Amino acid sequence: MKINNRRYTGSKYKLMKWIKNLILTHCQEHTTFFDVFGGTGVVTAEMLDVVQSAIINDFLYSNEVCYQAFFGSGEYDGQKLKKFADEVTSTDRKTLSENYVSLNYGDKYFENEDAKMIGFIREKIQREYVAKKINKREFDILLASLIYSFDRCANTVGHYDAYIKKPCQSHFVFELIEPITSGGKVEIYREDANQLARKVSADIAFVDPPYNSRQYSRFYHVIETIVKWDKPKLSGTAMKPPVENMSEYSRVNAPIVFNDLIQNLKVRYIVTTYNNTYDSKSSSSRNKITLEQIQESLNSRGNTKIFEKSHNRFNAGKTEETKHKEILFITEVEK
């Protein structure tokens, strides 16, 4: 599986040809690239063949694991990973005992036997890492492979804010991801974006923050819980863990936080994406930052060009959207 083979709200994968072309056309210097809100990592992956080095950041534990799996510099044994995959694939799931995943998510987010298999694989990855049978890079690759594999069969509309209220079908198949071995070097962070902006520098910053009230740590709580594997007590119909890791970009002071980020980026160019859901009929989809506020912050740093493209974004719910546009700003920062 490749890095783009994952359902993720706000993914820029289908827009990357357009975005990349604009960056190469309007950013004369592009040796180093800072992906401030990395998400699935598809933007960094696409830019690696035209930059010498990249910095990628995201505050979700699961995304950091995926970055380490796809972009990490550690050595790994492909044959060992294939052997692991063959072993778990040949396991008869009917013989497996109930585990944390099946007890909490079985016949909810996953069919129960699928859930048992997911929990079995997660435990096996942990045991082999603790026993030093696999190294850290191999651990990350196997865990990312588990994420990508169960995301394909999850009984959801693309996120884990809730599961579909209908009988689950068994679809889980464990497949290995394909690490990215070519292109520039990648530095990986899991930090508050506004704080990291004060510590790193690059030619280009790519800024694609969450704009509405939907918290990604709650949208993807099942993935976060399985990655962290601290087995918290879950509650509610959606089986969510205690609240943590909430983004200020999804709250009322988002314009202030966004402006603070823009003012402190140490770059030559700021590339910012934005979509026009601020007039959405869904209150949870409505943007916390207006187009005018975005422009005001960017214009304060330098000359800003605006580009638009019609785009049917990934919509996990049933909210009807018409005349949707993706907007791209390219700001040449004044020295």
Protein backbone atom coordinates (compact mmCIF):
# COMPACT_ATOMS: atom_id res chain seq x y z
CA MET A 1 0.00 0.00 0.00
CA LYS A 2 1.17 3.50 -0.83
CA ILE A 3 0.97 6.61 1.34
CA ASN A 4 -2.17 7.91 -0.38
CA ASN A 5 -4.16 4.67 0.21
CA ARG A 6 -5.96 6.03 3.26
CA ARG A 7 -9.23 7.87 3.82
CA TYR A 8 -8.56 11.17 5.54
CA THR A 9 -10.55 14.37 5.93
CA GLY A 10 -8.98 17.25 4.04
CA SER A 11 -6.50 15.09 2.10
CA LYS A 12 -4.80 17.03 -0.70
CA TYR A 13 -3.86 13.97 -2.77
CA LYS A 14 -6.23 14.71 -5.67
CA LEU A 15 -5.08 18.33 -5.75
CA MET A 16 -1.34 17.70 -5.63
CA LYS A 17 -0.63 18.02 -9.35
CA TRP A 18 -2.21 21.49 -9.31
CA ILE A 19 -0.54 22.51 -6.04
CA LYS A 20 2.90 21.25 -7.02
CA ASN A 21 2.80 23.02 -10.38
CA LEU A 22 1.91 26.33 -8.72
CA ILE A 23 4.68 25.94 -6.15
CA LEU A 24 7.31 25.23 -8.80
CA THR A 25 6.08 28.12 -10.93
CA HIS A 26 5.86 30.79 -8.23
CA CYS A 27 8.45 29.74 -5.61
CA GLN A 28 11.83 30.29 -7.21
CA GLU A 29 13.68 28.75 -4.27
CA HIS A 30 12.48 25.35 -3.13
CA THR A 31 15.43 23.48 -1.70
CA THR A 32 13.78 22.93 1.69
CA PHE A 33 10.10 22.32 2.45
CA PHE A 34 8.18 22.57 5.74
CA ASP A 35 4.85 20.69 5.83
CA VAL A 36 3.41 22.35 8.93
CA PHE A 37 0.23 20.24 9.29
CA GLY A 38 1.29 17.03 7.57
CA GLY A 39 -1.91 14.95 7.75
CA THR A 40 -1.36 11.74 5.80
CA GLY A 41 1.96 13.03 4.45
CA VAL A 42 0.93 12.99 0.79
CA VAL A 43 2.08 16.59 0.20
CA THR A 44 5.58 15.90 1.50
CA ALA A 45 5.72 12.64 -0.46
CA GLU A 46 4.84 14.47 -3.67
CA MET A 47 7.42 17.21 -3.08
CA LEU A 48 10.36 14.95 -2.23
CA ASP A 49 11.53 14.64 -5.82
CA VAL A 50 11.97 18.43 -6.16
CA VAL A 51 13.42 19.37 -2.75
CA GLN A 52 16.64 18.36 -1.01
CA SER A 53 15.07 18.08 2.43
CA ALA A 54 11.69 18.33 4.10
CA ILE A 55 10.28 18.86 7.57
CA ILE A 56 6.93 17.26 8.34
CA ASN A 57 4.85 17.79 11.46
CA ASP A 58 1.52 16.66 12.87
CA PHE A 59 0.17 16.41 16.40
CA LEU A 60 -1.46 12.98 16.00
CA TYR A 61 0.50 9.96 17.27
CA SER A 62 -0.80 7.84 14.39
CA ASN A 63 0.43 10.26 11.74
CA GLU A 64 3.88 10.42 13.31
CA VAL A 65 4.08 6.61 13.18
CA CYS A 66 3.12 6.67 9.51
CA TYR A 67 5.76 9.31 8.76
CA GLN A 68 8.42 7.21 10.47
CA ALA A 69 7.25 4.20 8.46
CA PHE A 70 7.20 5.91 5.06
CA PHE A 71 9.99 8.50 5.45
CA GLY A 72 12.15 7.22 8.32
CA SER A 73 15.90 6.77 7.88
CA GLY A 74 16.26 3.61 9.99
CA GLU A 75 17.19 0.29 8.39
CA TYR A 76 14.60 -2.45 8.02
CA ASP A 77 14.56 -6.07 6.86
CA GLY A 78 11.96 -6.52 4.14
CA GLN A 79 12.08 -10.31 4.37
CA LYS A 80 11.46 -10.19 8.11
CA LEU A 81 8.43 -7.96 7.56
CA LYS A 82 7.08 -10.27 4.86
CA LYS A 83 7.50 -13.25 7.17
CA PHE A 84 5.51 -11.41 9.85
CA ALA A 85 2.75 -10.62 7.35
CA ASP A 86 2.64 -14.23 6.14
CA GLU A 87 2.40 -15.53 9.71
CA VAL A 88 -0.51 -13.32 10.74
CA THR A 89 -2.30 -13.80 7.42
CA SER A 90 -2.20 -17.59 7.84
CA THR A 91 -3.60 -17.40 11.39
CA ASP A 92 -7.10 -18.84 11.76
CA ARG A 93 -9.03 -15.93 13.24
CA LYS A 94 -11.69 -18.28 14.56
CA THR A 95 -9.14 -19.58 17.08
CA LEU A 96 -8.31 -16.12 18.46
CA SER A 97 -9.42 -14.99 21.90
CA GLU A 98 -11.25 -11.75 22.57
CA ASN A 99 -8.93 -8.79 23.09
CA TYR A 100 -9.04 -5.03 23.69
CA VAL A 101 -9.96 -4.24 20.09
CA SER A 102 -12.72 -6.83 19.76
CA LEU A 103 -14.21 -6.11 23.19
CA ASN A 104 -14.46 -2.39 22.45
CA TYR A 105 -14.83 -2.13 18.68
CA GLY A 106 -16.11 -5.55 17.62
CA ASP A 107 -19.36 -5.40 15.61
CA LYS A 108 -19.12 -1.63 15.82
CA TYR A 109 -16.18 -0.21 13.87
CA PHE A 110 -15.12 -3.67 12.67
CA GLU A 111 -16.71 -7.09 12.25
CA ASN A 112 -15.93 -9.03 15.44
CA GLU A 113 -13.51 -11.57 13.97
CA ASP A 114 -11.77 -8.78 12.08
CA ALA A 115 -11.49 -6.88 15.37
CA LYS A 116 -9.96 -9.94 17.05
CA MET A 117 -7.41 -10.19 14.25
CA ILE A 118 -6.56 -6.48 14.48
CA GLY A 119 -6.02 -6.76 18.24
CA PHE A 120 -4.00 -9.96 17.79
CA ILE A 121 -1.67 -8.29 15.27
CA ARG A 122 -1.28 -5.18 17.45
CA GLU A 123 -0.28 -7.32 20.43
CA LYS A 124 2.15 -9.34 18.31
CA ILE A 125 3.82 -6.17 16.98
CA GLN A 126 4.24 -4.93 20.55
CA ARG A 127 5.62 -8.25 21.85
CA GLU A 128 8.16 -8.58 19.06
CA TYR A 129 9.35 -5.00 19.55
CA VAL A 130 9.70 -5.40 23.32
CA ALA A 131 11.56 -8.69 22.76
CA LYS A 132 13.82 -6.86 20.25
CA LYS A 133 12.86 -9.18 17.42
CA ILE A 134 12.10 -6.08 15.36
CA ASN A 135 13.73 -2.65 15.47
CA LYS A 136 12.00 0.74 15.74
CA ARG A 137 11.70 1.25 11.95
CA GLU A 138 10.25 -2.24 11.50
CA PHE A 139 7.85 -1.56 14.38
CA ASP A 140 6.66 1.63 12.68
CA ILE A 141 6.26 -0.05 9.29
CA LEU A 142 4.21 -2.91 10.75
CA LEU A 143 2.05 -0.53 12.79
CA ALA A 144 1.46 1.76 9.81
CA SER A 145 0.60 -1.31 7.74
CA LEU A 146 -1.99 -2.27 10.36
CA ILE A 147 -3.49 1.25 10.25
CA TYR A 148 -3.75 1.26 6.47
CA SER A 149 -5.14 -2.29 6.43
CA PHE A 150 -7.93 -1.80 8.96
CA ASP A 151 -8.82 1.64 7.61
CA ARG A 152 -9.90 -0.12 4.41
CA CYS A 153 -12.45 -2.29 6.21
CA ALA A 154 -13.64 0.07 8.97
CA ASN A 155 -17.43 0.31 9.26
CA THR A 156 -17.38 4.11 8.92
CA VAL A 157 -17.87 6.85 6.34
CA GLY A 158 -14.15 7.66 6.41
CA HIS A 159 -13.52 8.81 9.97
CA TYR A 160 -14.20 7.39 13.45
CA ASP A 161 -16.50 9.99 14.92
CA ALA A 162 -19.18 7.29 14.71
CA TYR A 163 -19.72 3.90 13.11
CA ILE A 164 -22.41 2.90 10.63
CA LYS A 165 -25.42 1.35 12.36
CA LYS A 166 -25.68 -1.79 10.29
CA PRO A 167 -24.20 -5.32 10.47
CA CYS A 168 -20.46 -5.36 9.74
CA GLN A 169 -19.00 -7.47 6.95
CA SER A 170 -15.63 -9.21 7.28
CA HIS A 171 -13.14 -7.51 4.95
CA PHE A 172 -9.88 -7.17 6.91
CA VAL A 173 -6.69 -8.23 5.11
CA PHE A 174 -3.27 -7.34 6.50
CA GLU A 175 -0.99 -5.80 3.83
CA LEU A 176 2.39 -4.12 4.13
CA ILE A 177 2.90 -0.48 3.24
CA GLU A 178 5.57 0.55 0.74
CA PRO A 179 8.19 2.82 2.38
CA ILE A 180 9.43 5.77 0.31
CA THR A 181 13.12 5.22 -0.39
CA SER A 182 13.92 8.00 -2.87
CA GLY A 183 13.95 11.78 -2.70
CA GLY A 184 15.13 14.26 -0.10
CA LYS A 185 15.80 13.68 3.58
CA VAL A 186 12.82 14.13 5.93
CA GLU A 187 12.83 15.44 9.50
CA ILE A 188 9.78 14.27 11.47
CA TYR A 189 8.08 16.08 14.35
CA ARG A 190 4.99 15.71 16.51
CA GLU A 191 4.77 19.17 18.03
CA ASP A 192 2.51 22.17 18.38
CA ALA A 193 2.82 23.83 14.96
CA ASN A 194 3.08 27.36 16.36
CA GLN A 195 5.95 26.40 18.64
CA LEU A 196 7.78 24.42 15.95
CA ALA A 197 7.53 27.39 13.56
CA ARG A 198 9.72 29.35 15.95
CA LYS A 199 12.46 26.67 15.86
CA VAL A 200 12.84 25.57 12.23
CA SER A 201 13.37 27.30 8.90
CA ALA A 202 12.88 26.41 5.24
CA ASP A 203 12.41 27.91 1.80
CA ILE A 204 8.71 27.00 1.68
CA ALA A 205 6.10 26.43 4.40
CA PHE A 206 2.98 24.56 3.35
CA VAL A 207 0.12 25.53 5.68
CA ASP A 208 -3.09 23.49 5.69
CA PRO A 209 -4.52 23.66 9.23
CA PRO A 210 -7.88 22.33 10.36
CA TYR A 211 -10.36 25.12 9.72
CA ASN A 212 -13.60 23.91 11.30
CA SER A 213 -14.73 22.67 14.71
CA ARG A 214 -14.09 18.98 13.99
CA GLN A 215 -11.17 17.86 16.13
CA TYR A 216 -8.90 15.38 14.36
CA SER A 217 -7.94 13.66 17.62
CA ARG A 218 -11.65 12.80 18.05
CA PHE A 219 -12.24 12.03 14.37
CA TYR A 220 -9.45 9.42 14.42
CA HIS A 221 -9.61 8.30 18.04
CA VAL A 222 -9.78 4.58 17.16
CA ILE A 223 -6.52 4.82 15.22
CA GLU A 224 -4.91 6.90 17.97
CA THR A 225 -5.95 4.38 20.64
CA ILE A 226 -4.65 1.39 18.70
CA VAL A 227 -1.36 3.16 17.97
CA LYS A 228 -0.73 4.36 21.52
CA TRP A 229 -1.92 1.00 22.93
CA ASP A 230 -2.37 2.34 26.45
CA LYS A 231 -5.84 0.74 26.47
CA PRO A 232 -7.86 3.57 28.04
CA LYS A 233 -11.40 3.11 29.29
CA LEU A 234 -13.75 4.04 26.46
CA SER A 235 -17.20 5.56 26.79
CA GLY A 236 -20.24 6.67 24.82
CA THR A 237 -21.84 5.16 21.76
CA ALA A 238 -18.76 6.01 19.68
CA MET A 239 -16.43 4.35 22.24
CA LYS A 240 -14.14 7.35 22.66
CA PRO A 241 -11.23 7.73 25.12
CA PRO A 242 -10.86 10.69 27.49
CA VAL A 243 -10.42 14.03 25.69
CA GLU A 244 -6.83 14.99 24.83
CA ASN A 245 -4.75 16.62 22.11
CA MET A 246 -7.33 19.22 21.07
CA SER A 247 -6.40 21.78 18.42
CA GLU A 248 -6.81 25.52 18.97
CA TYR A 249 -7.39 25.83 15.22
CA SER A 250 -10.83 24.27 15.74
CA ARG A 251 -11.89 26.78 18.38
CA VAL A 252 -13.09 30.38 18.41
CA ASN A 253 -9.60 31.87 18.78
CA ALA A 254 -8.42 30.16 15.55
CA PRO A 255 -7.81 33.47 13.72
CA ILE A 256 -5.44 34.60 16.48
CA VAL A 257 -3.58 31.28 16.50
CA PHE A 258 -3.33 31.25 12.71
CA ASN A 259 -1.95 34.78 12.63
CA ASP A 260 0.61 33.90 15.29
CA LEU A 261 1.80 31.00 13.11
CA ILE A 262 2.06 33.12 9.97
CA GLN A 263 3.99 35.88 11.74
CA ASN A 264 6.57 33.43 13.10
CA LEU A 265 7.27 31.22 10.07
CA LYS A 266 10.96 31.49 9.10
CA VAL A 267 10.59 30.92 5.37
CA ARG A 268 10.85 32.61 1.96
CA TYR A 269 7.41 31.52 0.78
CA ILE A 270 4.19 30.61 2.58
CA VAL A 271 1.84 28.34 0.62
CA THR A 272 -1.59 28.21 2.26
CA THR A 273 -4.60 26.15 1.23
CA TYR A 274 -8.16 27.07 2.13
CA ASN A 275 -11.61 25.88 1.13
CA ASN A 276 -14.86 27.82 1.03
CA THR A 277 -16.84 25.86 3.61
CA TYR A 278 -17.23 28.91 5.85
CA ASP A 279 -20.80 29.19 4.51
CA SER A 280 -21.56 25.50 4.94
CA LYS A 281 -25.02 24.44 6.10
CA SER A 282 -23.32 22.20 8.66
CA SER A 283 -22.20 24.16 11.73
CA SER A 284 -19.40 21.69 12.47
CA SER A 285 -18.08 22.12 8.91
CA ARG A 286 -18.18 25.91 9.00
CA ASN A 287 -14.72 27.45 9.03
CA LYS A 288 -13.43 29.16 12.15
CA ILE A 289 -11.29 31.52 10.05
CA THR A 290 -12.75 33.66 7.28
CA LEU A 291 -11.20 34.27 3.89
CA GLU A 292 -10.62 37.91 4.85
CA GLN A 293 -8.76 36.94 8.02
CA ILE A 294 -6.53 34.55 6.06
CA GLN A 295 -5.71 37.27 3.54
CA GLU A 296 -5.02 39.87 6.22
CA SER A 297 -2.50 37.62 7.98
CA LEU A 298 -0.75 36.61 4.75
CA ASN A 299 -0.64 40.13 3.31
CA SER A 300 1.10 41.33 6.45
CA ARG A 301 4.08 39.09 5.55
CA GLY A 302 4.41 39.98 1.88
CA ASN A 303 2.95 39.97 -1.62
CA THR A 304 0.26 37.28 -1.84
CA LYS A 305 -1.08 35.66 -5.02
CA ILE A 306 -4.41 33.83 -5.03
CA PHE A 307 -5.35 30.79 -7.12
CA GLU A 308 -8.65 28.87 -7.22
CA LYS A 309 -9.75 25.44 -8.39
CA SER A 310 -13.15 23.76 -8.35
CA HIS A 311 -12.86 20.66 -6.23
CA ASN A 312 -15.22 18.13 -4.63
CA ARG A 313 -13.39 17.60 -1.38
CA PHE A 314 -13.47 14.40 0.69
CA ASN A 315 -16.78 14.68 2.56
CA ALA A 316 -17.25 12.04 5.24
CA GLY A 317 -20.88 12.88 5.92
CA LYS A 318 -24.01 13.61 3.90
CA THR A 319 -23.79 17.39 3.84
CA GLU A 320 -24.55 18.55 0.32
CA GLU A 321 -21.98 20.95 -1.09
CA THR A 322 -22.18 22.91 -4.33
CA LYS A 323 -19.72 25.23 -6.06
CA HIS A 324 -16.95 24.09 -3.72
CA LYS A 325 -13.53 25.63 -4.37
CA GLU A 326 -10.04 25.03 -3.12
CA ILE A 327 -8.11 28.26 -2.73
CA LEU A 328 -4.32 28.42 -2.74
CA PHE A 329 -2.35 31.45 -1.53
CA ILE A 330 1.35 31.88 -2.29
CA THR A 331 3.01 34.59 -0.22
CA GLU A 332 6.51 35.80 -1.02
CA VAL A 333 7.78 36.87 2.39
CA GLU A 334 9.35 40.31 2.55
CA LYS A 335 12.91 40.16 3.78
